[in-house]
């Protein structure tokens, strides 16, 4: 009886080992197939980019920029799968494909989120922007799904919350659905810096994008030119891009550009290097920095100076990009509408 029981246990052990080996073999074939598919996708994307750039185009489109991003994402996924396969071979099984912590599949990252600073009485300017480049309804959604670009008007509330101006904005937004309404900002020049800071914070918390841009409501934005310019900075995680200057600090209270804290800028009264004008861009890491530290970041009289001050002392690459000098005739990205 003892020998018979031992024989049965030995037979069961061999069957279990055989089944485990078969499972490991099939799992390895599955992952190998996945790796092959990923590599073929990368090869196709690289060939496509080579074809585009080989045609003598001076700038790639937003579509091609997104292909570059997708290719890099594929490369990261491939590297992860290769590590999993290596671990599977050591352990005799293959683990499941990686997903986000909430169980959903990884989404393709956006190229840029654009915040268009606007005011309560600027409906005509907003309508001009919508007609010129932003679009409405399906066109606005197409900008996101096909170009990877989200653009929203950014506005605060009236000093008399709930008044006719606030209600007018709410009504307009119900029709167009293209606003970011900051309830903690009073729509006034003295809160311009706070408005920009809270936009970057809100956008970084809500959307995962490569870049975040501040613009104003009286410029035309060339989306393809913007995309090709930003593509050159995809490898720099902390880039601050715009029309750079370090102008004079005015201490006279009656001056248009009066700076109440002029004494902080030394005897020569000159601002540090910062992006000014109608549009500038920061990368994802810098937007997250602003979001995390929003409560302790100081604001000066002018929003462009304030933004520049937040990055002083950080390891940030300042990119003086003439294409963002929207008032210049040579600007390829933005111009007045």
Protein backbone atom coordinates (compact mmCIF):
# COMPACT_ATOMS: atom_id res chain seq x y z
CA UNK A 1 0.00 0.00 0.00
CA UNK A 2 2.86 2.38 0.85
CA UNK A 3 4.53 1.73 -2.51
CA UNK A 4 1.23 2.29 -4.34
CA UNK A 5 0.65 5.67 -2.55
CA UNK A 6 4.22 6.73 -3.31
CA UNK A 7 3.74 5.86 -6.99
CA UNK A 8 0.54 7.92 -7.19
CA UNK A 9 2.23 10.94 -5.58
CA UNK A 10 5.20 10.66 -7.95
CA UNK A 11 2.88 10.48 -10.97
CA UNK A 12 0.92 13.54 -9.77
CA UNK A 13 4.17 15.47 -9.28
CA UNK A 14 5.31 14.69 -12.83
CA UNK A 15 1.93 15.81 -14.25
CA UNK A 16 2.08 19.08 -12.27
CA UNK A 17 5.61 19.76 -13.51
CA UNK A 18 4.55 19.04 -17.08
CA UNK A 19 1.57 21.41 -16.83
CA UNK A 20 3.74 24.16 -15.29
CA UNK A 21 6.30 23.77 -18.07
CA UNK A 22 3.59 23.98 -20.72
CA UNK A 23 2.13 27.10 -19.09
CA UNK A 24 5.52 28.78 -18.91
CA UNK A 25 6.19 27.93 -22.57
CA UNK A 26 2.87 29.34 -23.79
CA UNK A 27 3.33 32.46 -21.63
CA UNK A 28 6.80 33.01 -23.06
CA UNK A 29 5.41 32.73 -26.61
CA UNK A 30 2.73 35.28 -25.72
CA UNK A 31 5.19 37.85 -24.34
CA UNK A 32 7.60 37.24 -27.22
CA UNK A 33 4.72 38.01 -29.59
CA UNK A 34 4.01 41.21 -27.70
CA UNK A 35 7.65 42.23 -27.95
CA UNK A 36 7.63 41.58 -31.69
CA UNK A 37 4.51 43.70 -32.17
CA UNK A 38 6.01 46.56 -30.14
CA UNK A 39 9.26 46.45 -32.13
CA UNK A 40 7.36 46.46 -35.45
CA UNK A 41 5.42 49.53 -34.31
CA UNK A 42 8.64 51.33 -33.44
CA UNK A 43 10.20 50.45 -36.79
CA UNK A 44 7.11 51.75 -38.63
CA UNK A 45 7.12 55.03 -36.71
CA UNK A 46 10.84 55.59 -37.25
CA UNK A 47 10.50 54.90 -41.00
CA UNK A 48 7.55 57.27 -41.18
CA UNK A 49 9.51 60.05 -39.47
CA UNK A 50 12.50 59.40 -41.75
CA UNK A 51 10.16 59.68 -44.75
CA UNK A 52 8.74 63.00 -43.53
CA UNK A 53 12.06 64.58 -42.66
CA UNK A 54 13.57 63.27 -45.91
CA UNK A 55 11.10 65.29 -47.96
CA UNK A 56 12.88 68.51 -47.08
CA UNK A 57 10.26 69.93 -44.73
CA UNK A 58 11.61 72.72 -42.55
CA UNK A 59 9.36 71.83 -39.62
CA UNK A 60 7.43 68.75 -38.58
CA UNK A 61 3.72 68.96 -37.88
CA UNK A 62 1.98 68.37 -34.59
CA UNK A 63 0.90 64.96 -35.91
CA UNK A 64 4.53 63.99 -36.46
CA UNK A 65 5.47 65.44 -33.07
CA UNK A 66 2.91 63.17 -31.46
CA UNK A 67 4.41 60.24 -33.37
CA UNK A 68 7.79 61.04 -31.79
CA UNK A 69 6.18 61.06 -28.35
CA UNK A 70 4.31 57.83 -29.08
CA UNK A 71 7.52 56.18 -30.30
CA UNK A 72 9.27 57.09 -27.07
CA UNK A 73 6.35 55.78 -25.05
CA UNK A 74 6.53 52.52 -27.07
CA UNK A 75 10.23 52.31 -26.30
CA UNK A 76 9.54 52.63 -22.57
CA UNK A 77 6.82 49.97 -22.77
CA UNK A 78 9.12 47.66 -24.70
CA UNK A 79 11.86 48.06 -22.10
CA UNK A 80 9.36 47.19 -19.35
CA UNK A 81 8.18 44.08 -21.19
CA UNK A 82 11.75 42.95 -21.76
CA UNK A 83 12.41 43.21 -18.01
CA UNK A 84 9.25 41.21 -17.31
CA UNK A 85 10.25 38.51 -19.75
CA UNK A 86 13.67 38.24 -18.11
CA UNK A 87 12.02 37.84 -14.70
CA UNK A 88 9.57 35.30 -16.13
CA UNK A 89 12.35 33.11 -17.41
CA UNK A 90 13.94 33.07 -13.97
CA UNK A 91 10.73 32.37 -12.07
CA UNK A 92 9.04 30.02 -14.57
CA UNK A 93 6.02 32.18 -15.30
CA UNK A 94 5.08 35.54 -16.88
CA UNK A 95 3.46 38.34 -14.88
CA UNK A 96 0.55 40.39 -16.20
CA UNK A 97 0.97 43.43 -18.45
CA UNK A 98 1.62 46.67 -16.52
CA UNK A 99 -1.34 48.97 -15.92
CA UNK A 100 -1.97 52.12 -13.93
CA UNK A 101 -2.69 51.76 -10.22
CA UNK A 102 -6.41 52.31 -10.83
CA UNK A 103 -6.52 49.40 -13.27
CA UNK A 104 -6.92 51.47 -16.44
CA UNK A 105 -4.65 51.30 -19.46
CA UNK A 106 -1.98 53.98 -19.92
CA UNK A 107 -3.28 56.98 -21.88
CA UNK A 108 -1.33 58.83 -24.55
CA UNK A 109 0.16 62.00 -23.11
CA UNK A 110 -1.05 65.37 -24.41
CA UNK A 111 1.37 67.69 -26.18
CA UNK A 112 0.38 70.98 -24.55
CA UNK A 113 -2.33 72.63 -22.45
CA UNK A 114 -2.84 76.30 -23.38
CA UNK A 115 -4.41 78.71 -20.91
CA UNK A 116 -5.77 81.79 -22.70
CA UNK A 117 -5.97 84.63 -20.17
CA UNK A 118 -9.18 86.60 -20.67
CA UNK A 119 -11.30 89.15 -18.81
CA UNK A 120 -14.97 89.57 -17.99
CA UNK A 121 -15.73 92.08 -20.75
CA UNK A 122 -13.73 90.41 -23.53
CA UNK A 123 -16.36 88.28 -25.24
CA UNK A 124 -15.63 89.81 -28.67
CA UNK A 125 -11.95 88.86 -28.32
CA UNK A 126 -12.88 85.32 -27.29
CA UNK A 127 -15.21 84.97 -30.27
CA UNK A 128 -12.40 86.17 -32.55
CA UNK A 129 -10.04 83.55 -31.09
CA UNK A 130 -12.65 80.82 -31.55
CA UNK A 131 -13.16 81.83 -35.17
CA UNK A 132 -9.44 82.24 -35.93
CA UNK A 133 -7.86 79.10 -34.47
CA UNK A 134 -9.51 77.60 -31.38
CA UNK A 135 -12.79 76.41 -32.81
CA UNK A 136 -15.87 75.25 -30.92
CA UNK A 137 -17.71 72.00 -30.32
CA UNK A 138 -16.38 69.20 -32.53
CA UNK A 139 -13.47 71.37 -33.75
CA UNK A 140 -12.34 71.99 -30.18
CA UNK A 141 -12.52 68.26 -29.42
CA UNK A 142 -10.65 67.45 -32.63
CA UNK A 143 -7.82 69.73 -31.53
CA UNK A 144 -7.43 67.52 -28.46
CA UNK A 145 -7.87 64.09 -30.02
CA UNK A 146 -5.87 64.66 -33.22
CA UNK A 147 -3.30 67.27 -32.18
CA UNK A 148 -2.91 66.52 -28.48
CA UNK A 149 -3.68 70.17 -27.67
CA UNK A 150 -6.11 71.40 -25.03
CA UNK A 151 -6.87 75.13 -25.01
CA UNK A 152 -9.15 76.89 -22.56
CA UNK A 153 -9.99 80.48 -21.67
CA UNK A 154 -8.91 81.24 -18.11
CA UNK A 155 -10.93 83.69 -16.07
CA UNK A 156 -11.58 84.66 -12.45
CA UNK A 157 -14.72 85.94 -10.79
CA UNK A 158 -16.18 89.41 -10.47
CA UNK A 159 -15.37 91.41 -7.34
CA UNK A 160 -19.13 91.17 -6.71
CA UNK A 161 -19.49 87.43 -6.97
CA UNK A 162 -22.67 86.25 -8.57
CA UNK A 163 -23.40 89.52 -10.38
CA UNK A 164 -24.48 89.88 -13.99
CA UNK A 165 -20.88 89.59 -15.30
CA UNK A 166 -20.36 86.28 -13.51
CA UNK A 167 -23.70 85.00 -14.79
CA UNK A 168 -22.77 86.07 -18.32
CA UNK A 169 -19.55 84.00 -18.15
CA UNK A 170 -21.46 80.99 -16.79
CA UNK A 171 -23.96 81.27 -19.64
CA UNK A 172 -21.20 81.58 -22.25
CA UNK A 173 -19.39 78.57 -20.79
CA UNK A 174 -22.57 76.48 -20.85
CA UNK A 175 -22.71 77.13 -24.60
CA UNK A 176 -19.02 76.70 -25.48
CA UNK A 177 -17.55 74.56 -22.65
CA UNK A 178 -14.11 76.14 -23.17
CA UNK A 179 -13.42 77.92 -19.87
CA UNK A 180 -11.36 77.32 -16.77
CA UNK A 181 -13.14 79.43 -14.15
CA UNK A 182 -10.97 80.16 -11.10
CA UNK A 183 -13.36 80.89 -8.25
CA UNK A 184 -10.52 81.96 -5.93
CA UNK A 185 -9.31 84.72 -8.27
CA UNK A 186 -10.87 88.18 -8.50
CA UNK A 187 -10.72 89.37 -12.10
CA UNK A 188 -8.45 92.40 -11.64
CA UNK A 189 -4.95 93.44 -12.86
CA UNK A 190 -3.43 93.08 -9.38
CA UNK A 191 -4.36 89.38 -9.33
CA UNK A 192 -2.88 88.57 -12.75
CA UNK A 193 0.08 86.72 -11.22
CA UNK A 194 -2.17 84.66 -8.96
CA UNK A 195 -4.35 83.85 -11.96
CA UNK A 196 -1.42 82.46 -13.97
CA UNK A 197 -0.14 80.52 -10.98
CA UNK A 198 -3.50 78.88 -10.33
CA UNK A 199 -3.92 78.10 -14.02
CA UNK A 200 -0.62 76.18 -14.11
CA UNK A 201 -1.60 74.42 -10.89
CA UNK A 202 -5.07 73.48 -12.11
CA UNK A 203 -3.86 72.34 -15.53
CA UNK A 204 -1.01 70.22 -14.12
CA UNK A 205 -3.38 68.57 -11.65
CA UNK A 206 -6.05 67.82 -14.25
CA UNK A 207 -4.16 67.03 -17.49
CA UNK A 208 -0.99 65.07 -18.12
CA UNK A 209 0.87 66.97 -20.84
CA UNK A 210 4.42 67.51 -22.03
CA UNK A 211 4.02 71.32 -21.85
CA UNK A 212 1.79 74.03 -20.39
CA UNK A 213 1.44 77.43 -22.06
CA UNK A 214 0.17 80.82 -20.98
CA UNK A 215 -1.34 82.97 -23.75
CA UNK A 216 -3.65 85.98 -24.00
CA UNK A 217 -6.94 86.46 -25.80
CA UNK A 218 -5.81 88.77 -28.61
CA UNK A 219 -3.36 86.51 -30.46
CA UNK A 220 -3.58 83.89 -33.19
CA UNK A 221 -1.71 80.66 -32.39
CA UNK A 222 -0.30 78.51 -35.20
CA UNK A 223 -0.73 75.06 -33.66
CA UNK A 224 1.54 73.21 -36.11
CA UNK A 225 4.35 75.75 -35.69
CA UNK A 226 3.94 75.56 -31.92
CA UNK A 227 4.13 71.76 -32.00
CA UNK A 228 7.27 71.63 -34.13
CA UNK A 229 8.98 74.19 -31.88
CA UNK A 230 8.11 72.31 -28.71
CA UNK A 231 9.30 69.03 -30.26
CA UNK A 232 12.85 70.34 -30.07
CA UNK A 233 12.59 70.45 -26.27
CA UNK A 234 10.98 67.10 -25.50
CA UNK A 235 14.20 65.76 -24.00
CA UNK A 236 14.56 68.64 -21.51
CA UNK A 237 12.36 68.02 -18.45
CA UNK A 238 12.76 71.55 -17.05
CA UNK A 239 12.51 73.99 -19.95
CA UNK A 240 11.14 77.53 -19.67
CA UNK A 241 10.50 78.78 -23.21
CA UNK A 242 9.55 82.22 -24.42
CA UNK A 243 10.62 85.67 -25.61
CA UNK A 244 13.20 86.42 -22.92
CA UNK A 245 14.28 89.78 -21.51
CA UNK A 246 15.58 91.39 -18.32
CA UNK A 247 14.14 94.88 -18.42
CA UNK A 248 14.22 97.90 -16.16
CA UNK A 249 12.42 97.95 -12.81
CA UNK A 250 10.34 101.11 -12.40
CA UNK A 251 10.08 102.58 -8.91
CA UNK A 252 7.85 105.58 -9.76
CA UNK A 253 4.27 104.94 -8.54
CA UNK A 254 2.74 106.75 -11.49
CA UNK A 255 4.55 104.66 -14.10
CA UNK A 256 2.54 102.14 -16.13
CA UNK A 257 4.89 99.30 -15.16
CA UNK A 258 5.42 100.34 -11.53
CA UNK A 259 6.91 97.63 -9.35
CA UNK A 260 6.04 98.15 -5.65
CA UNK A 261 8.85 95.81 -4.61
CA UNK A 262 11.46 97.54 -6.76
CA UNK A 263 13.95 97.62 -3.86
CA UNK A 264 14.34 93.83 -4.05
CA UNK A 265 16.07 94.05 -7.42
CA UNK A 266 19.26 95.81 -6.34
CA UNK A 267 20.80 99.19 -7.06
CA UNK A 268 20.73 98.74 -10.84
CA UNK A 269 17.00 98.05 -10.70
CA UNK A 270 16.94 95.37 -13.42
CA UNK A 271 14.72 92.31 -13.54
CA UNK A 272 16.17 88.82 -13.76
CA UNK A 273 15.82 86.97 -17.07
CA UNK A 274 12.20 86.04 -17.72
CA UNK A 275 9.78 85.34 -20.57
CA UNK A 276 7.49 88.21 -21.38
CA UNK A 277 4.84 89.05 -23.91
CA UNK A 278 1.77 87.29 -25.14
CA UNK A 279 2.83 83.66 -24.77
CA UNK A 280 5.35 81.43 -22.97
CA UNK A 281 5.65 77.73 -22.14
CA UNK A 282 6.89 75.56 -19.28
CA UNK A 283 7.39 71.80 -19.12
CA UNK A 284 5.41 69.30 -17.08
CA UNK A 285 7.96 69.16 -14.24
CA UNK A 286 7.88 72.95 -13.79
CA UNK A 287 4.08 73.04 -13.84
CA UNK A 288 4.04 70.36 -11.15
CA UNK A 289 6.55 72.42 -9.14
CA UNK A 290 4.21 75.42 -9.31
CA UNK A 291 1.24 73.28 -8.31
CA UNK A 292 2.99 71.72 -5.31
CA UNK A 293 4.37 75.04 -4.06
CA UNK A 294 1.50 77.33 -5.05
CA UNK A 295 0.91 78.51 -1.48
CA UNK A 296 4.47 79.75 -0.92
CA UNK A 297 5.43 81.11 -4.36
CA UNK A 298 5.67 84.90 -4.25
CA UNK A 299 3.90 87.12 -6.77
CA UNK A 300 5.17 90.45 -8.07
CA UNK A 301 3.19 93.19 -9.79
CA UNK A 302 3.47 91.59 -13.23
CA UNK A 303 2.66 87.97 -14.03
CA UNK A 304 5.60 87.38 -16.40
CA UNK A 305 8.07 88.59 -13.76
CA UNK A 306 6.36 86.42 -11.14
CA UNK A 307 6.61 83.32 -13.33
CA UNK A 308 10.31 83.96 -13.94
CA UNK A 309 10.92 84.42 -10.21
CA UNK A 310 9.51 80.98 -9.40
CA UNK A 311 12.33 79.32 -11.36
CA UNK A 312 15.24 81.39 -10.04
CA UNK A 313 17.50 79.02 -8.13
CA UNK A 314 16.16 75.93 -9.90
CA UNK A 315 18.03 73.89 -12.49
CA UNK A 316 15.92 75.25 -15.34
CA UNK A 317 16.89 75.74 -18.99
CA UNK A 318 15.83 79.23 -20.12
CA UNK A 319 15.11 79.11 -23.86
CA UNK A 320 15.02 82.48 -25.59
CA UNK A 321 12.76 81.57 -28.52
CA UNK A 322 12.07 84.43 -30.93
CA UNK A 323 9.06 82.59 -32.36
CA UNK A 324 7.22 83.46 -29.14
CA UNK A 325 7.78 87.20 -29.64
CA UNK A 326 4.24 87.54 -30.97
CA UNK A 327 4.49 91.26 -31.74
CA UNK A 328 7.49 90.67 -34.02
CA UNK A 329 6.85 90.29 -37.75
CA UNK A 330 9.05 87.18 -37.82
CA UNK A 331 7.01 85.24 -35.24
CA UNK A 332 5.92 81.89 -36.65
CA UNK A 333 3.84 80.79 -33.67
CA UNK A 334 1.63 83.69 -32.64
CA UNK A 335 0.32 87.02 -33.94
CA UNK A 336 -2.41 89.50 -33.11
CA UNK A 337 -5.97 88.72 -34.18
